PDB file of N, CA and C in Angstrom:
ATOM      1  N   ALA A   1     -17.830 -16.290   6.310  1.00  0.00           N
ATOM      2  CA  ALA A   1     -17.451 -17.260   5.006  1.00  0.00           C
ATOM      3  C   ALA A   1     -18.733 -17.219   3.964  1.00  0.00           C
ATOM      4  N   ARG A   2     -19.669 -17.319   4.482  1.00  0.00           N
ATOM      5  CA  ARG A   2     -20.639 -17.485   3.538  1.00  0.00           C
ATOM      6  C   ARG A   2     -21.093 -16.495   2.786  1.00  0.00           C
ATOM      7  N   LEU A   3     -21.075 -15.538   3.442  1.00  0.00           N
ATOM      8  CA  LEU A   3     -21.200 -14.296   1.998  1.00  0.00           C
ATOM      9  C   LEU A   3     -19.861 -14.467   1.450  1.00  0.00           C
ATOM     10  N   ALA A   4     -18.830 -14.684   1.463  1.00  0.00           N
ATOM     11  CA  ALA A   4     -17.708 -14.706   0.979  1.00  0.00           C
ATOM     12  C   ALA A   4     -17.874 -15.595  -0.560  1.00  0.00           C
ATOM     13  N   LYS A   5     -18.309 -16.684  -0.175  1.00  0.00           N
ATOM     14  CA  LYS A   5     -18.868 -17.708  -0.932  1.00  0.00           C
ATOM     15  C   LYS A   5     -20.113 -17.381  -1.647  1.00  0.00           C
ATOM     16  N   ARG A   6     -21.322 -17.006  -0.972  1.00  0.00           N
ATOM     17  CA  ARG A   6     -22.192 -16.715  -2.188  1.00  0.00           C
ATOM     18  C   ARG A   6     -21.881 -15.405  -2.851  1.00  0.00           C
ATOM     19  N   HIS A   7     -20.902 -14.848  -2.706  1.00  0.00           N
ATOM     20  CA  HIS A   7     -20.364 -13.745  -4.109  1.00  0.00           C
ATOM     21  C   HIS A   7     -19.266 -14.025  -4.348  1.00  0.00           C
ATOM     22  N   HIS A   8     -18.478 -15.218  -4.444  1.00  0.00           N
ATOM     23  CA  HIS A   8     -17.712 -16.015  -5.298  1.00  0.00           C
ATOM     24  C   HIS A   8     -15.999 -15.351  -4.788  1.00  0.00           C
ATOM     25  N   VAL A   9     -15.733 -14.989  -3.658  1.00  0.00           N
ATOM     26  CA  VAL A   9     -14.832 -14.472  -3.288  1.00  0.00           C
ATOM     27  C   VAL A   9     -13.937 -15.392  -2.522  1.00  0.00           C
ATOM     28  N   ARG A  10     -12.666 -15.542  -2.615  1.00  0.00           N
ATOM     29  CA  ARG A  10     -11.966 -16.320  -2.048  1.00  0.00           C
ATOM     30  C   ARG A  10     -11.161 -15.262  -0.868  1.00  0.00           C
ATOM     31  N   LEU A  11     -11.454 -15.988   0.223  1.00  0.00           N
ATOM     32  CA  LEU A  11     -10.686 -15.745   1.448  1.00  0.00           C
ATOM     33  C   LEU A  11      -9.358 -16.072   1.397  1.00  0.00           C
ATOM     34  N   SER A  12      -8.478 -15.332   2.203  1.00  0.00           N
ATOM     35  CA  SER A  12      -6.867 -15.323   2.606  1.00  0.00           C
ATOM     36  C   SER A  12      -6.780 -17.297   2.264  1.00  0.00           C
ATOM     37  N   VAL A  13      -5.425 -17.336   1.466  1.00  0.00           N
ATOM     38  CA  VAL A  13      -5.071 -18.636   1.692  1.00  0.00           C
ATOM     39  C   VAL A  13      -4.313 -19.434   2.886  1.00  0.00           C
ATOM     40  N   GLY A  14      -3.890 -18.555   3.296  1.00  0.00           N
ATOM     41  CA  GLY A  14      -3.804 -18.684   4.827  1.00  0.00           C
ATOM     42  C   GLY A  14      -4.681 -19.431   6.082  1.00  0.00           C
ATOM     43  N   ARG A  15      -3.961 -20.049   6.944  1.00  0.00           N
ATOM     44  CA  ARG A  15      -4.597 -20.088   8.213  1.00  0.00           C
ATOM     45  C   ARG A  15      -5.552 -18.859   9.013  1.00  0.00           C
ATOM     46  N   ARG A  16      -6.372 -18.645   9.669  1.00  0.00           N
ATOM     47  CA  ARG A  16      -6.680 -18.296  10.599  1.00  0.00           C
ATOM     48  C   ARG A  16      -5.422 -18.077  11.760  1.00  0.00           C
ATOM     49  N   GLY A  17      -5.548 -16.398  11.846  1.00  0.00           N
ATOM     50  CA  GLY A  17      -4.565 -16.208  12.933  1.00  0.00           C
ATOM     51  C   GLY A  17      -2.938 -15.972  12.266  1.00  0.00           C
ATOM     52  N   GLN A  18      -2.931 -16.006  10.692  1.00  0.00           N
ATOM     53  CA  GLN A  18      -1.719 -15.835   9.936  1.00  0.00           C
ATOM     54  C   GLN A  18      -1.330 -14.747   9.653  1.00  0.00           C
ATOM     55  N   CYS A  19      -1.130 -13.474  10.843  1.00  0.00           N
ATOM     56  CA  CYS A  19      -1.291 -12.328  10.212  1.00  0.00           C
ATOM     57  C   CYS A  19      -0.348 -11.816   9.033  1.00  0.00           C
ATOM     58  N   TRP A  20       1.114 -12.373   8.760  1.00  0.00           N
ATOM     59  CA  TRP A  20       2.135 -12.430   7.931  1.00  0.00           C
ATOM     60  C   TRP A  20       1.398 -12.564   6.347  1.00  0.00           C
ATOM     61  N   ASP A  21       0.317 -13.373   6.367  1.00  0.00           N
ATOM     62  CA  ASP A  21      -0.001 -13.759   5.221  1.00  0.00           C
ATOM     63  C   ASP A  21      -0.667 -12.426   4.227  1.00  0.00           C
ATOM     64  N   ASN A  22      -1.147 -11.739   5.107  1.00  0.00           N
ATOM     65  CA  ASN A  22      -1.279 -10.399   4.284  1.00  0.00           C
ATOM     66  C   ASN A  22      -0.591  -9.127   4.668  1.00  0.00           C
ATOM     67  N   ALA A  23       0.481  -9.262   5.131  1.00  0.00           N
ATOM     68  CA  ALA A  23       1.326  -7.974   5.895  1.00  0.00           C
ATOM     69  C   ALA A  23       1.424  -7.008   4.732  1.00  0.00           C
ATOM     70  N   VAL A  24       1.542  -7.258   3.726  1.00  0.00           N
ATOM     71  CA  VAL A  24       2.155  -6.033   2.825  1.00  0.00           C
ATOM     72  C   VAL A  24       0.960  -5.435   2.737  1.00  0.00           C
ATOM     73  N   ALA A  25      -0.020  -5.841   2.333  1.00  0.00           N
ATOM     74  CA  ALA A  25      -1.578  -5.555   1.789  1.00  0.00           C
ATOM     75  C   ALA A  25      -1.890  -4.833   3.314  1.00  0.00           C
ATOM     76  N   GLU A  26      -1.850  -5.251   4.712  1.00  0.00           N
ATOM     77  CA  GLU A  26      -2.406  -4.515   5.825  1.00  0.00           C
ATOM     78  C   GLU A  26      -1.616  -3.124   5.773  1.00  0.00           C
ATOM     79  N   SER A  27      -0.057  -3.321   5.583  1.00  0.00           N
ATOM     80  CA  SER A  27       0.888  -2.185   5.776  1.00  0.00           C
ATOM     81  C   SER A  27       0.359  -1.201   4.180  1.00  0.00           C
ATOM     82  N   PHE A  28       0.005  -1.535   3.336  1.00  0.00           N
ATOM     83  CA  PHE A  28      -0.533  -0.585   2.243  1.00  0.00           C
ATOM     84  C   PHE A  28      -1.697   0.223   2.670  1.00  0.00           C
ATOM     85  N   PHE A  29      -2.915  -0.514   3.333  1.00  0.00           N
ATOM     86  CA  PHE A  29      -4.195  -0.219   3.138  1.00  0.00           C
ATOM     87  C   PHE A  29      -3.988   0.909   4.978  1.00  0.00           C
ATOM     88  N   SER A  30      -2.694   0.289   6.059  1.00  0.00           N
ATOM     89  CA  SER A  30      -3.121   1.287   6.810  1.00  0.00           C
ATOM     90  C   SER A  30      -2.204   2.600   6.753  1.00  0.00           C
ATOM     91  N   THR A  31      -1.579   2.556   5.871  1.00  0.00           N
ATOM     92  CA  THR A  31      -0.757   3.796   5.142  1.00  0.00           C
ATOM     93  C   THR A  31      -1.505   4.653   4.375  1.00  0.00           C
ATOM     94  N   ILE A  32      -2.267   4.271   3.469  1.00  0.00           N
ATOM     95  CA  ILE A  32      -3.650   5.000   2.790  1.00  0.00           C
ATOM     96  C   ILE A  32      -4.903   5.347   3.680  1.00  0.00           C
ATOM     97  N   LYS A  33      -5.297   4.665   4.667  1.00  0.00           N
ATOM     98  CA  LYS A  33      -5.922   5.520   5.790  1.00  0.00           C
ATOM     99  C   LYS A  33      -5.464   6.315   6.665  1.00  0.00           C
ATOM    100  N   THR A  34      -4.279   6.137   6.943  1.00  0.00           N
ATOM    101  CA  THR A  34      -3.907   7.003   7.589  1.00  0.00           C
ATOM    102  C   THR A  34      -3.223   8.621   6.793  1.00  0.00           C
ATOM    103  N   GLU A  35      -2.925   8.546   5.483  1.00  0.00           N
ATOM    104  CA  GLU A  35      -2.320   9.637   5.225  1.00  0.00           C
ATOM    105  C   GLU A  35      -3.464  10.156   4.324  1.00  0.00           C
ATOM    106  N   LEU A  36      -4.213   9.529   3.884  1.00  0.00           N
ATOM    107  CA  LEU A  36      -5.466  10.054   2.833  1.00  0.00           C
ATOM    108  C   LEU A  36      -6.956  10.031   3.464  1.00  0.00           C
ATOM    109  N   ILE A  37      -7.511   8.758   4.080  1.00  0.00           N
ATOM    110  CA  ILE A  37      -8.903   8.685   3.928  1.00  0.00           C
ATOM    111  C   ILE A  37      -9.200   9.178   5.247  1.00  0.00           C
ATOM    112  N   HIS A  38      -8.556   9.057   6.388  1.00  0.00           N
ATOM    113  CA  HIS A  38      -9.196   9.716   7.491  1.00  0.00           C
ATOM    114  C   HIS A  38      -8.500  10.916   8.110  1.00  0.00           C
ATOM    115  N   ARG A  39      -8.457  12.015   6.469  1.00  0.00           N
ATOM    116  CA  ARG A  39      -7.768  13.169   6.590  1.00  0.00           C
ATOM    117  C   ARG A  39      -9.328  13.984   6.677  1.00  0.00           C
ATOM    118  N   GLN A  40      -9.656  13.467   6.273  1.00  0.00           N
ATOM    119  CA  GLN A  40     -11.418  14.171   5.681  1.00  0.00           C
ATOM    120  C   GLN A  40     -12.679  13.449   5.268  1.00  0.00           C
ATOM    121  N   ALA A  41     -13.380  14.078   5.462  1.00  0.00           N
ATOM    122  CA  ALA A  41     -14.821  13.757   5.299  1.00  0.00           C
ATOM    123  C   ALA A  41     -15.189  13.636   3.512  1.00  0.00           C
ATOM    124  N   TRP A  42     -15.468  12.910   3.050  1.00  0.00           N
ATOM    125  CA  TRP A  42     -15.292  12.568   1.572  1.00  0.00           C
ATOM    126  C   TRP A  42     -17.263  12.758   1.262  1.00  0.00           C
ATOM    127  N   PRO A  43     -17.344  13.881   0.336  1.00  0.00           N
ATOM    128  CA  PRO A  43     -19.067  14.498   0.082  1.00  0.00           C
ATOM    129  C   PRO A  43     -19.330  13.068  -0.675  1.00  0.00           C
ATOM    130  N   THR A  44     -18.518  12.295  -1.616  1.00  0.00           N
ATOM    131  CA  THR A  44     -19.291  11.373  -2.436  1.00  0.00           C
ATOM    132  C   THR A  44     -18.713  10.234  -2.449  1.00  0.00           C
ATOM    133  N   ARG A  45     -19.104   8.713  -2.838  1.00  0.00           N
ATOM    134  CA  ARG A  45     -18.004   7.721  -2.764  1.00  0.00           C
ATOM    135  C   ARG A  45     -16.817   7.803  -3.878  1.00  0.00           C
ATOM    136  N   ALA A  46     -18.084   8.756  -5.326  1.00  0.00           N
ATOM    137  CA  ALA A  46     -17.090   9.220  -6.557  1.00  0.00           C
ATOM    138  C   ALA A  46     -15.873   9.849  -5.552  1.00  0.00           C
ATOM    139  N   ALA A  47     -16.191  10.695  -4.956  1.00  0.00           N
ATOM    140  CA  ALA A  47     -15.089  12.051  -4.777  1.00  0.00           C
ATOM    141  C   ALA A  47     -14.103  10.742  -3.752  1.00  0.00           C
ATOM    142  N   ALA A  48     -14.313  10.134  -3.470  1.00  0.00           N
ATOM    143  CA  ALA A  48     -13.267   9.016  -2.349  1.00  0.00           C
ATOM    144  C   ALA A  48     -12.442   8.796  -3.258  1.00  0.00           C
ATOM    145  N   ARG A  49     -13.239   7.754  -4.292  1.00  0.00           N
ATOM    146  CA  ARG A  49     -12.418   6.973  -5.315  1.00  0.00           C
ATOM    147  C   ARG A  49     -11.676   7.440  -6.222  1.00  0.00           C
ATOM    148  N   GLN A  50     -11.766   8.775  -6.509  1.00  0.00           N
ATOM    149  CA  GLN A  50     -11.000   9.493  -7.384  1.00  0.00           C
ATOM    150  C   GLN A  50      -9.953  10.009  -6.683  1.00  0.00           C
ATOM    151  N   ALA A  51      -9.880  10.207  -5.086  1.00  0.00           N
ATOM    152  CA  ALA A  51      -8.998  10.489  -4.698  1.00  0.00           C
ATOM    153  C   ALA A  51      -7.840   9.475  -4.319  1.00  0.00           C
ATOM    154  N   ILE A  52      -8.200   8.094  -4.112  1.00  0.00           N
ATOM    155  CA  ILE A  52      -7.954   7.224  -3.738  1.00  0.00           C
ATOM    156  C   ILE A  52      -6.841   6.901  -5.167  1.00  0.00           C
ATOM    157  N   PHE A  53      -7.503   6.703  -6.478  1.00  0.00           N
ATOM    158  CA  PHE A  53      -6.910   6.620  -7.223  1.00  0.00           C
ATOM    159  C   PHE A  53      -5.836   7.395  -7.600  1.00  0.00           C
ATOM    160  N   GLU A  54      -6.157   9.002  -7.677  1.00  0.00           N
ATOM    161  CA  GLU A  54      -5.015   9.651  -7.511  1.00  0.00           C
ATOM    162  C   GLU A  54      -3.557   9.522  -6.625  1.00  0.00           C
ATOM    163  N   TYR A  55      -4.289   9.035  -5.365  1.00  0.00           N
ATOM    164  CA  TYR A  55      -3.277   8.636  -4.353  1.00  0.00           C
ATOM    165  C   TYR A  55      -2.081   7.953  -4.329  1.00  0.00           C
ATOM    166  N   ILE A  56      -2.724   6.838  -5.197  1.00  0.00           N
ATOM    167  CA  ILE A  56      -2.099   5.489  -5.877  1.00  0.00           C
ATOM    168  C   ILE A  56      -1.208   5.839  -6.906  1.00  0.00           C
ATOM    169  N   GLU A  57      -1.683   6.145  -7.731  1.00  0.00           N
ATOM    170  CA  GLU A  57      -1.212   6.352  -8.892  1.00  0.00           C
ATOM    171  C   GLU A  57      -0.110   7.739  -9.343  1.00  0.00           C
ATOM    172  N   GLY A  58      -0.709   9.217  -8.578  1.00  0.00           N
ATOM    173  CA  GLY A  58      -0.260   9.961  -8.566  1.00  0.00           C
ATOM    174  C   GLY A  58       1.078  10.070  -7.252  1.00  0.00           C
ATOM    175  N   TRP A  59       1.004   9.558  -6.393  1.00  0.00           N
ATOM    176  CA  TRP A  59       1.538   9.722  -5.347  1.00  0.00           C
ATOM    177  C   TRP A  59       2.519   8.740  -4.762  1.00  0.00           C
ATOM    178  N   TYR A  60       1.619   7.456  -4.303  1.00  0.00           N
ATOM    179  CA  TYR A  60       2.008   6.426  -3.713  1.00  0.00           C
ATOM    180  C   TYR A  60       2.907   5.397  -4.758  1.00  0.00           C
ATOM    181  N   ASN A  61       2.211   5.331  -6.068  1.00  0.00           N
ATOM    182  CA  ASN A  61       3.206   4.655  -6.981  1.00  0.00           C
ATOM    183  C   ASN A  61       4.211   5.227  -7.474  1.00  0.00           C
ATOM    184  N   ILE A  62       4.613   6.673  -7.411  1.00  0.00           N
ATOM    185  CA  ILE A  62       5.738   7.408  -8.111  1.00  0.00           C
ATOM    186  C   ILE A  62       6.483   8.185  -6.817  1.00  0.00           C
ATOM    187  N   ARG A  63       6.130   9.057  -6.404  1.00  0.00           N
ATOM    188  CA  ARG A  63       6.639   9.876  -5.376  1.00  0.00           C
ATOM    189  C   ARG A  63       7.014   9.997  -3.923  1.00  0.00           C
ATOM    190  N   ARG A  64       6.019   9.076  -3.312  1.00  0.00           N
ATOM    191  CA  ARG A  64       6.529   8.194  -1.889  1.00  0.00           C
ATOM    192  C   ARG A  64       7.231   7.923  -1.807  1.00  0.00           C
ATOM    193  N   ARG A  65       8.514   8.029  -0.602  1.00  0.00           N
ATOM    194  CA  ARG A  65       9.755   7.475  -0.261  1.00  0.00           C
ATOM    195  C   ARG A  65       9.099   5.908   0.103  1.00  0.00           C
ATOM    196  N   HIS A  66       9.581   5.204  -0.061  1.00  0.00           N
ATOM    197  CA  HIS A  66       9.376   3.681   0.725  1.00  0.00           C
ATOM    198  C   HIS A  66      10.507   3.258   1.602  1.00  0.00           C
ATOM    199  N   SER A  67      10.804   2.946   2.555  1.00  0.00           N
ATOM    200  CA  SER A  67      11.815   2.345   3.483  1.00  0.00           C
ATOM    201  C   SER A  67      12.472   0.865   2.925  1.00  0.00           C
ATOM    202  N   SER A  68      11.650   0.171   2.278  1.00  0.00           N
ATOM    203  CA  SER A  68      11.881  -0.662   1.230  1.00  0.00           C
ATOM    204  C   SER A  68      13.485  -0.250   0.248  1.00  0.00           C
ATOM    205  N   LEU A  69      13.009   0.651  -0.209  1.00  0.00           N
ATOM    206  CA  LEU A  69      13.717   0.875  -1.640  1.00  0.00           C
ATOM    207  C   LEU A  69      14.729   2.396  -0.665  1.00  0.00           C
ATOM    208  N   GLY A  70      15.685   2.113   0.634  1.00  0.00           N
ATOM    209  CA  GLY A  70      16.302   2.824   0.882  1.00  0.00           C
ATOM    210  C   GLY A  70      15.784   3.904   1.191  1.00  0.00           C
ATOM    211  N   TYR A  71      14.403   4.450   1.386  1.00  0.00           N
ATOM    212  CA  TYR A  71      14.216   5.807   1.436  1.00  0.00           C
ATOM    213  C   TYR A  71      14.319   6.419   0.122  1.00  0.00           C
ATOM    214  N   GLN A  72      13.896   5.805  -0.566  1.00  0.00           N
ATOM    215  CA  GLN A  72      13.836   6.289  -1.961  1.00  0.00           C
ATOM    216  C   GLN A  72      12.490   6.766  -2.553  1.00  0.00           C
ATOM    217  N   SER A  73      11.924   7.172  -3.251  1.00  0.00           N
ATOM    218  CA  SER A  73      10.828   7.014  -4.608  1.00  0.00           C
ATOM    219  C   SER A  73      10.940   6.028  -5.205  1.00  0.00           C
ATOM    220  N   PRO A  74       9.847   5.342  -5.720  1.00  0.00           N
ATOM    221  CA  PRO A  74      10.003   4.011  -6.714  1.00  0.00           C
ATOM    222  C   PRO A  74      10.355   5.118  -8.003  1.00  0.00           C
ATOM    223  N   ALA A  75      10.290   5.892  -8.367  1.00  0.00           N
ATOM    224  CA  ALA A  75      10.740   6.490  -9.813  1.00  0.00           C
ATOM    225  C   ALA A  75      11.927   7.108  -9.433  1.00  0.00           C
ATOM    226  N   ALA A  76      12.350   7.137  -8.520  1.00  0.00           N
ATOM    227  CA  ALA A  76      14.122   7.512  -8.321  1.00  0.00           C
ATOM    228  C   ALA A  76      14.820   6.097  -8.389  1.00  0.00           C
ATOM    229  N   TYR A  77      14.279   5.377  -7.829  1.00  0.00           N
ATOM    230  CA  TYR A  77      14.722   3.970  -7.341  1.00  0.00           C
ATOM    231  C   TYR A  77      14.816   3.114  -8.730  1.00  0.00           C
ATOM    232  N   GLU A  78      13.891   3.145  -9.458  1.00  0.00           N
ATOM    233  CA  GLU A  78      13.766   2.515 -10.969  1.00  0.00           C
ATOM    234  C   GLU A  78      14.860   3.500 -12.104  1.00  0.00           C
ATOM    235  N   THR A  79      15.270   4.735 -12.109  1.00  0.00           N
ATOM    236  CA  THR A  79      15.712   4.966 -12.897  1.00  0.00           C
ATOM    237  C   THR A  79      17.204   5.522 -11.627  1.00  0.00           C
ATOM    238  N   GLY A  80      17.302   5.265 -10.861  1.00  0.00           N
ATOM    239  CA  GLY A  80      18.360   5.536 -10.626  1.00  0.00           C
ATOM    240  C   GLY A  80      19.449   7.032 -10.066  1.00  0.00           C
ATOM    241  N   THR A  81      18.275   7.958 -10.025  1.00  0.00           N
ATOM    242  CA  THR A  81      18.424   9.252  -9.650  1.00  0.00           C
ATOM    243  C   THR A  81      19.099   9.541  -8.497  1.00  0.00           C
ATOM    244  N   ASN A  82      18.521   8.850  -7.602  1.00  0.00           N
ATOM    245  CA  ASN A  82      18.908   9.307  -6.220  1.00  0.00           C
ATOM    246  C   ASN A  82      20.676   8.436  -6.087  1.00  0.00           C
ATOM    247  N   THR A  83      20.900   9.468  -5.327  1.00  0.00           N
ATOM    248  CA  THR A  83      22.798   8.380  -5.441  1.00  0.00           C
ATOM    249  C   THR A  83      23.020   8.247  -4.028  1.00  0.00           C
ATOM    250  N   ARG A  84      21.930   8.118  -3.595  1.00  0.00           N
ATOM    251  CA  ARG A  84      21.999   8.050  -2.288  1.00  0.00           C
ATOM    252  C   ARG A  84      21.943   5.883  -2.170  1.00  0.00           C
ATOM    253  N   PRO A  85      22.976   5.332  -1.169  1.00  0.00           N
ATOM    254  CA  PRO A  85      23.285   4.181  -1.525  1.00  0.00           C
ATOM    255  C   PRO A  85      22.108   3.370  -0.528  1.00  0.00           C
ATOM    256  N   LEU A  86      21.526   2.434  -0.831  1.00  0.00           N
ATOM    257  CA  LEU A  86      21.026   1.289  -0.461  1.00  0.00           C
ATOM    258  C   LEU A  86      21.402   0.565   0.507  1.00  0.00           C
ATOM    259  N   THR A  87      21.673   0.545   1.533  1.00  0.00           N
ATOM    260  CA  THR A  87      21.436   0.394   3.141  1.00  0.00           C
ATOM    261  C   THR A  87      21.231  -1.460   2.860  1.00  0.00           C
ATOM    262  N   VAL A  88      21.735  -2.682   2.698  1.00  0.00           N
ATOM    263  CA  VAL A  88      20.839  -3.816   2.586  1.00  0.00           C
ATOM    264  C   VAL A  88      21.370  -4.350   4.482  1.00  0.00           C
ATOM    265  N   LEU A  89      20.260  -4.627   5.048  1.00  0.00           N
ATOM    266  CA  LEU A  89      20.513  -5.745   6.306  1.00  0.00           C
ATOM    267  C   LEU A  89      20.282  -6.996   6.285  1.00  0.00           C
ATOM    268  N   LYS A  90      21.642  -7.165   6.802  1.00  0.00           N
ATOM    269  CA  LYS A  90      21.447  -9.053   6.597  1.00  0.00           C
ATOM    270  C   LYS A  90      20.656  -9.416   8.267  1.00  0.00           C
ATOM    271  N   VAL A  91      20.002 -10.631   8.103  1.00  0.00           N
ATOM    272  CA  VAL A  91      19.168 -10.967   9.166  1.00  0.00           C
ATOM    273  C   VAL A  91      19.623 -11.943   9.732  1.00  0.00           C
ATOM    274  N   ALA A  92      19.772 -12.725  10.710  1.00  0.00           N
ATOM    275  CA  ALA A  92      20.537 -13.815  11.166  1.00  0.00           C
ATOM    276  C   ALA A  92      19.461 -14.920  10.767  1.00  0.00           C
TER     277      ALA A  92
END
């Protein structure tokens, strides 16, 4: 906490141990580590940074299928080009 304060970084707004505060971010970082980062050794930080950028902007945000979108890619979901119906689950 002191290190964060020294560098003007704001820590999570939730209480300690509240994992759902960062569930979306945790899921994203788990996915990127599994699908990209841990699959090879990166020769330089710049190479890793470029690969991460390309993964996010060229794959994850455009073409990767997401369960929250009915297993459609974001591009297909936004344009309505995927004819597969979206299943909505009701939570009790």
